[in-house]
All heavy atoms as atom14 arrays in JSON, in Angstrom:
{
  "sequence": "LDGLVATMRSTGSGDGHGFVAADRAFHALL",
  "atom14_mask": [
    [1, 1, 1, 1, 1, 1, 1, 1, 0, 0, 0, 0, 0, 0],
    [1, 1, 1, 1, 1, 1, 1, 1, 0, 0, 0, 0, 0, 0],
    [1, 1, 1, 1, 0, 0, 0, 0, 0, 0, 0, 0, 0, 0],
    [1, 1, 1, 1, 1, 1, 1, 1, 0, 0, 0, 0, 0, 0],
    [1, 1, 1, 1, 1, 1, 1, 0, 0, 0, 0, 0, 0, 0],
    [1, 1, 1, 1, 1, 0, 0, 0, 0, 0, 0, 0, 0, 0],
    [1, 1, 1, 1, 1, 1, 1, 0, 0, 0, 0, 0, 0, 0],
    [1, 1, 1, 1, 1, 1, 1, 1, 0, 0, 0, 0, 0, 0],
    [1, 1, 1, 1, 1, 1, 1, 1, 1, 1, 1, 0, 0, 0],
    [1, 1, 1, 1, 1, 1, 0, 0, 0, 0, 0, 0, 0, 0],
    [1, 1, 1, 1, 1, 1, 1, 0, 0, 0, 0, 0, 0, 0],
    [1, 1, 1, 1, 0, 0, 0, 0, 0, 0, 0, 0, 0, 0],
    [1, 1, 1, 1, 1, 1, 0, 0, 0, 0, 0, 0, 0, 0],
    [1, 1, 1, 1, 0, 0, 0, 0, 0, 0, 0, 0, 0, 0],
    [1, 1, 1, 1, 1, 1, 1, 1, 0, 0, 0, 0, 0, 0],
    [1, 1, 1, 1, 0, 0, 0, 0, 0, 0, 0, 0, 0, 0],
    [1, 1, 1, 1, 1, 1, 1, 1, 1, 1, 0, 0, 0, 0],
    [1, 1, 1, 1, 0, 0, 0, 0, 0, 0, 0, 0, 0, 0],
    [1, 1, 1, 1, 1, 1, 1, 1, 1, 1, 1, 0, 0, 0],
    [1, 1, 1, 1, 1, 1, 1, 0, 0, 0, 0, 0, 0, 0],
    [1, 1, 1, 1, 1, 0, 0, 0, 0, 0, 0, 0, 0, 0],
    [1, 1, 1, 1, 1, 0, 0, 0, 0, 0, 0, 0, 0, 0],
    [1, 1, 1, 1, 1, 1, 1, 1, 0, 0, 0, 0, 0, 0],
    [1, 1, 1, 1, 1, 1, 1, 1, 1, 1, 1, 0, 0, 0],
    [1, 1, 1, 1, 1, 0, 0, 0, 0, 0, 0, 0, 0, 0],
    [1, 1, 1, 1, 1, 1, 1, 1, 1, 1, 1, 0, 0, 0],
    [1, 1, 1, 1, 1, 1, 1, 1, 1, 1, 0, 0, 0, 0],
    [1, 1, 1, 1, 1, 0, 0, 0, 0, 0, 0, 0, 0, 0],
    [1, 1, 1, 1, 1, 1, 1, 1, 0, 0, 0, 0, 0, 0],
    [1, 1, 1, 1, 1, 1, 1, 1, 0, 0, 0, 0, 0, 0]
  ],
  "atom14_positions": [
    [[0.81, -1.19, -0.02], [0.01, -0.02, -0.01], [0.84, 1.27, -0.02], [0.56, 2.2, -0.72], [-0.97, -0.03, 1.23], [-2.02, -1.02, 1.18], [-2.79, -1.07, 2.55], [-3.08, -0.71, 0.06], [0.0, 0.0, 0.0], [0.0, 0.0, 0.0], [0.0, 0.0, 0.0], [0.0, 0.0, 0.0], [0.0, 0.0, 0.0], [0.0, 0.0, 0.0]],
    [[1.91, 1.25, 0.78], [2.9, 2.4, 0.8], [3.47, 2.58, -0.61], [3.61, 3.75, -1.03], [4.0, 2.09, 1.79], [3.71, 2.64, 3.2], [3.04, 3.71, 3.26], [4.14, 2.05, 4.17], [0.0, 0.0, 0.0], [0.0, 0.0, 0.0], [0.0, 0.0, 0.0], [0.0, 0.0, 0.0], [0.0, 0.0, 0.0], [0.0, 0.0, 0.0]],
    [[3.77, 1.45, -1.29], [4.38, 1.57, -2.66], [3.4, 2.13, -3.58], [3.76, 2.92, -4.52], [0.0, 0.0, 0.0], [0.0, 0.0, 0.0], [0.0, 0.0, 0.0], [0.0, 0.0, 0.0], [0.0, 0.0, 0.0], [0.0, 0.0, 0.0], [0.0, 0.0, 0.0], [0.0, 0.0, 0.0], [0.0, 0.0, 0.0], [0.0, 0.0, 0.0]],
    [[2.09, 1.78, -3.46], [1.1, 2.34, -4.34], [0.9, 3.88, -4.12], [0.64, 4.58, -5.1], [-0.25, 1.59, -4.14], [-0.28, 0.17, -4.58], [-1.47, -0.59, -4.11], [-0.19, 0.01, -6.13], [0.0, 0.0, 0.0], [0.0, 0.0, 0.0], [0.0, 0.0, 0.0], [0.0, 0.0, 0.0], [0.0, 0.0, 0.0], [0.0, 0.0, 0.0]],
    [[0.98, 4.31, -2.88], [0.89, 5.73, -2.63], [2.11, 6.43, -3.22], [1.95, 7.54, -3.85], [0.82, 6.0, -1.12], [0.83, 7.49, -0.86], [-0.42, 5.43, -0.47], [0.0, 0.0, 0.0], [0.0, 0.0, 0.0], [0.0, 0.0, 0.0], [0.0, 0.0, 0.0], [0.0, 0.0, 0.0], [0.0, 0.0, 0.0], [0.0, 0.0, 0.0]],
    [[3.27, 5.79, -3.14], [4.47, 6.35, -3.76], [4.31, 6.5, -5.23], [4.71, 7.47, -5.86], [5.65, 5.55, -3.42], [0.0, 0.0, 0.0], [0.0, 0.0, 0.0], [0.0, 0.0, 0.0], [0.0, 0.0, 0.0], [0.0, 0.0, 0.0], [0.0, 0.0, 0.0], [0.0, 0.0, 0.0], [0.0, 0.0, 0.0], [0.0, 0.0, 0.0]],
    [[3.68, 5.48, -5.88], [3.37, 5.6, -7.31], [2.45, 6.74, -7.7], [2.69, 7.43, -8.61], [2.74, 4.26, -7.8], [3.72, 3.21, -7.57], [2.48, 4.33, -9.34], [0.0, 0.0, 0.0], [0.0, 0.0, 0.0], [0.0, 0.0, 0.0], [0.0, 0.0, 0.0], [0.0, 0.0, 0.0], [0.0, 0.0, 0.0], [0.0, 0.0, 0.0]],
    [[1.41, 6.88, -6.88], [0.47, 8.06, -7.06], [1.28, 9.36, -6.96], [0.98, 10.32, -7.77], [-0.62, 7.96, -6.06], [-1.55, 6.72, -6.17], [-2.75, 6.64, -4.86], [-3.82, 8.05, -5.19], [0.0, 0.0, 0.0], [0.0, 0.0, 0.0], [0.0, 0.0, 0.0], [0.0, 0.0, 0.0], [0.0, 0.0, 0.0], [0.0, 0.0, 0.0]],
    [[2.09, 9.44, -5.96], [2.88, 10.7, -5.72], [3.89, 10.91, -6.89], [3.99, 12.1, -7.32], [3.64, 10.53, -4.43], [4.29, 11.84, -3.93], [5.0, 11.67, -2.64], [3.97, 11.48, -1.54], [3.9, 10.3, -0.85], [4.65, 9.29, -1.15], [2.99, 10.21, 0.1], [0.0, 0.0, 0.0], [0.0, 0.0, 0.0], [0.0, 0.0, 0.0]],
    [[4.43, 9.92, -7.46], [5.46, 10.16, -8.41], [4.85, 10.32, -9.83], [5.43, 11.08, -10.67], [6.42, 8.94, -8.49], [5.76, 7.77, -8.88], [0.0, 0.0, 0.0], [0.0, 0.0, 0.0], [0.0, 0.0, 0.0], [0.0, 0.0, 0.0], [0.0, 0.0, 0.0], [0.0, 0.0, 0.0], [0.0, 0.0, 0.0], [0.0, 0.0, 0.0]],
    [[3.71, 9.73, -10.1], [3.05, 9.88, -11.39], [2.25, 11.13, -11.46], [2.27, 11.85, -12.47], [2.18, 8.65, -11.79], [1.22, 8.45, -10.77], [3.16, 7.4, -11.9], [0.0, 0.0, 0.0], [0.0, 0.0, 0.0], [0.0, 0.0, 0.0], [0.0, 0.0, 0.0], [0.0, 0.0, 0.0], [0.0, 0.0, 0.0], [0.0, 0.0, 0.0]],
    [[1.42, 11.38, -10.45], [0.49, 12.49, -10.45], [-0.72, 12.13, -11.32], [-0.71, 11.4, -12.22], [0.0, 0.0, 0.0], [0.0, 0.0, 0.0], [0.0, 0.0, 0.0], [0.0, 0.0, 0.0], [0.0, 0.0, 0.0], [0.0, 0.0, 0.0], [0.0, 0.0, 0.0], [0.0, 0.0, 0.0], [0.0, 0.0, 0.0], [0.0, 0.0, 0.0]],
    [[-1.83, 12.9, -11.05], [-3.07, 12.64, -11.71], [-2.99, 12.99, -13.24], [-3.78, 12.45, -14.0], [-4.19, 13.42, -11.09], [-3.93, 14.8, -11.18], [0.0, 0.0, 0.0], [0.0, 0.0, 0.0], [0.0, 0.0, 0.0], [0.0, 0.0, 0.0], [0.0, 0.0, 0.0], [0.0, 0.0, 0.0], [0.0, 0.0, 0.0], [0.0, 0.0, 0.0]],
    [[-2.05, 13.87, -13.54], [-1.93, 14.23, -14.94], [-1.47, 13.07, -15.81], [-1.71, 13.08, -17.02], [0.0, 0.0, 0.0], [0.0, 0.0, 0.0], [0.0, 0.0, 0.0], [0.0, 0.0, 0.0], [0.0, 0.0, 0.0], [0.0, 0.0, 0.0], [0.0, 0.0, 0.0], [0.0, 0.0, 0.0], [0.0, 0.0, 0.0], [0.0, 0.0, 0.0]],
    [[-0.89, 12.07, -15.17], [-0.34, 10.88, -15.95], [-1.59, 10.06, -16.37], [-1.56, 9.35, -17.4], [0.52, 10.06, -15.0], [0.88, 8.68, -15.64], [1.61, 8.63, -16.58], [0.28, 7.67, -15.11], [0.0, 0.0, 0.0], [0.0, 0.0, 0.0], [0.0, 0.0, 0.0], [0.0, 0.0, 0.0], [0.0, 0.0, 0.0], [0.0, 0.0, 0.0]],
    [[-2.7, 10.13, -15.61], [-3.86, 9.42, -15.97], [-3.8, 7.95, -15.55], [-4.22, 7.59, -14.47], [0.0, 0.0, 0.0], [0.0, 0.0, 0.0], [0.0, 0.0, 0.0], [0.0, 0.0, 0.0], [0.0, 0.0, 0.0], [0.0, 0.0, 0.0], [0.0, 0.0, 0.0], [0.0, 0.0, 0.0], [0.0, 0.0, 0.0], [0.0, 0.0, 0.0]],
    [[-3.25, 7.14, -16.41], [-3.29, 5.69, -16.2], [-2.5, 5.29, -14.9], [-3.08, 4.55, -14.13], [-2.63, 4.95, -17.4], [-2.63, 3.49, -17.26], [-3.77, 2.68, -17.22], [-1.57, 2.6, -16.99], [-3.42, 1.41, -17.02], [-2.11, 1.35, -16.86], [0.0, 0.0, 0.0], [0.0, 0.0, 0.0], [0.0, 0.0, 0.0], [0.0, 0.0, 0.0]],
    [[-1.29, 5.7, -14.73], [-0.51, 5.24, -13.59], [-1.18, 5.67, -12.26], [-1.2, 4.83, -11.34], [0.0, 0.0, 0.0], [0.0, 0.0, 0.0], [0.0, 0.0, 0.0], [0.0, 0.0, 0.0], [0.0, 0.0, 0.0], [0.0, 0.0, 0.0], [0.0, 0.0, 0.0], [0.0, 0.0, 0.0], [0.0, 0.0, 0.0], [0.0, 0.0, 0.0]],
    [[-1.59, 6.87, -12.18], [-2.2, 7.33, -10.94], [-3.53, 6.52, -10.66], [-3.76, 6.07, -9.55], [-2.57, 8.9, -11.12], [-3.03, 9.51, -9.84], [-2.17, 10.15, -8.97], [-4.39, 9.55, -9.56], [-2.68, 10.77, -7.83], [-4.92, 10.15, -8.41], [-3.97, 10.81, -7.56], [0.0, 0.0, 0.0], [0.0, 0.0, 0.0], [0.0, 0.0, 0.0]],
    [[-4.31, 6.47, -11.68], [-5.63, 5.78, -11.54], [-5.47, 4.26, -11.21], [-6.14, 3.69, -10.33], [-6.51, 5.92, -12.79], [-7.76, 5.09, -12.77], [-6.93, 7.44, -12.98], [0.0, 0.0, 0.0], [0.0, 0.0, 0.0], [0.0, 0.0, 0.0], [0.0, 0.0, 0.0], [0.0, 0.0, 0.0], [0.0, 0.0, 0.0], [0.0, 0.0, 0.0]],
    [[-4.55, 3.63, -11.89], [-4.23, 2.24, -11.65], [-3.76, 1.96, -10.24], [-4.15, 1.03, -9.61], [-3.24, 1.7, -12.66], [0.0, 0.0, 0.0], [0.0, 0.0, 0.0], [0.0, 0.0, 0.0], [0.0, 0.0, 0.0], [0.0, 0.0, 0.0], [0.0, 0.0, 0.0], [0.0, 0.0, 0.0], [0.0, 0.0, 0.0], [0.0, 0.0, 0.0]],
    [[-2.89, 2.88, -9.73], [-2.43, 2.71, -8.35], [-3.57, 2.92, -7.36], [-3.61, 2.26, -6.36], [-1.24, 3.74, -8.16], [0.0, 0.0, 0.0], [0.0, 0.0, 0.0], [0.0, 0.0, 0.0], [0.0, 0.0, 0.0], [0.0, 0.0, 0.0], [0.0, 0.0, 0.0], [0.0, 0.0, 0.0], [0.0, 0.0, 0.0], [0.0, 0.0, 0.0]],
    [[-4.38, 3.89, -7.62], [-5.55, 4.17, -6.72], [-6.44, 3.0, -6.7], [-6.88, 2.57, -5.63], [-6.3, 5.42, -7.33], [-7.31, 5.99, -6.3], [-7.53, 5.36, -5.25], [-7.89, 7.0, -6.55], [0.0, 0.0, 0.0], [0.0, 0.0, 0.0], [0.0, 0.0, 0.0], [0.0, 0.0, 0.0], [0.0, 0.0, 0.0], [0.0, 0.0, 0.0]],
    [[-6.75, 2.4, -7.87], [-7.62, 1.19, -7.92], [-6.96, 0.08, -7.12], [-7.71, -0.64, -6.35], [-7.86, 0.79, -9.38], [-8.91, -0.32, -9.51], [-9.04, -0.75, -10.92], [-10.29, -1.54, -11.19], [-10.35, -2.86, -10.83], [-9.3, -3.48, -10.32], [-11.49, -3.49, -11.11], [0.0, 0.0, 0.0], [0.0, 0.0, 0.0], [0.0, 0.0, 0.0]],
    [[-5.7, -0.2, -7.41], [-5.03, -1.33, -6.69], [-4.99, -1.13, -5.24], [-5.09, -2.07, -4.45], [-3.59, -1.46, -7.26], [0.0, 0.0, 0.0], [0.0, 0.0, 0.0], [0.0, 0.0, 0.0], [0.0, 0.0, 0.0], [0.0, 0.0, 0.0], [0.0, 0.0, 0.0], [0.0, 0.0, 0.0], [0.0, 0.0, 0.0], [0.0, 0.0, 0.0]],
    [[-4.9, 0.2, -4.75], [-4.87, 0.48, -3.39], [-6.2, 0.0, -2.74], [-6.2, -0.62, -1.69], [-4.71, 1.98, -3.2], [-4.57, 2.47, -1.78], [-3.34, 2.71, -1.2], [-5.76, 2.75, -1.01], [-3.27, 3.15, 0.11], [-5.7, 3.15, 0.26], [-4.41, 3.38, 0.88], [0.0, 0.0, 0.0], [0.0, 0.0, 0.0], [0.0, 0.0, 0.0]],
    [[-7.31, 0.41, -3.28], [-8.57, 0.11, -2.74], [-8.97, -1.37, -2.82], [-9.61, -1.93, -1.99], [-9.68, 1.02, -3.3], [-9.58, 2.42, -2.85], [-10.04, 2.86, -1.69], [-9.01, 3.52, -3.46], [-9.84, 4.12, -1.5], [-9.15, 4.53, -2.56], [0.0, 0.0, 0.0], [0.0, 0.0, 0.0], [0.0, 0.0, 0.0], [0.0, 0.0, 0.0]],
    [[-8.45, -2.07, -3.86], [-8.61, -3.46, -3.97], [-7.9, -4.21, -2.85], [-8.46, -5.11, -2.23], [-8.14, -3.92, -5.42], [0.0, 0.0, 0.0], [0.0, 0.0, 0.0], [0.0, 0.0, 0.0], [0.0, 0.0, 0.0], [0.0, 0.0, 0.0], [0.0, 0.0, 0.0], [0.0, 0.0, 0.0], [0.0, 0.0, 0.0], [0.0, 0.0, 0.0]],
    [[-6.62, -3.79, -2.6], [-5.86, -4.44, -1.57], [-6.36, -4.1, -0.23], [-6.27, -4.95, 0.71], [-4.39, -3.93, -1.67], [-3.39, -4.63, -0.65], [-3.44, -6.12, -0.77], [-1.98, -4.11, -1.02], [0.0, 0.0, 0.0], [0.0, 0.0, 0.0], [0.0, 0.0, 0.0], [0.0, 0.0, 0.0], [0.0, 0.0, 0.0], [0.0, 0.0, 0.0]],
    [[-6.98, -2.93, -0.02], [-7.49, -2.51, 1.31], [-8.55, -3.54, 1.77], [-8.6, -3.83, 2.98], [-8.08, -1.1, 1.19], [-8.16, -0.31, 2.47], [-6.8, -0.07, 3.12], [-8.84, 1.01, 2.18], [0.0, 0.0, 0.0], [0.0, 0.0, 0.0], [0.0, 0.0, 0.0], [0.0, 0.0, 0.0], [0.0, 0.0, 0.0], [0.0, 0.0, 0.0]]
  ]
}
C-alpha cells in the first residue's frame, strides 16, 4: 500500500493511467 501511494505521488493525476491504476489497486488491496 505504501508503494502504491508512492506511485500516485510520483506519477501524479496528470499521468492518468499510472495514478488511476495505483488508486484502484490500493482500494482493492485494502
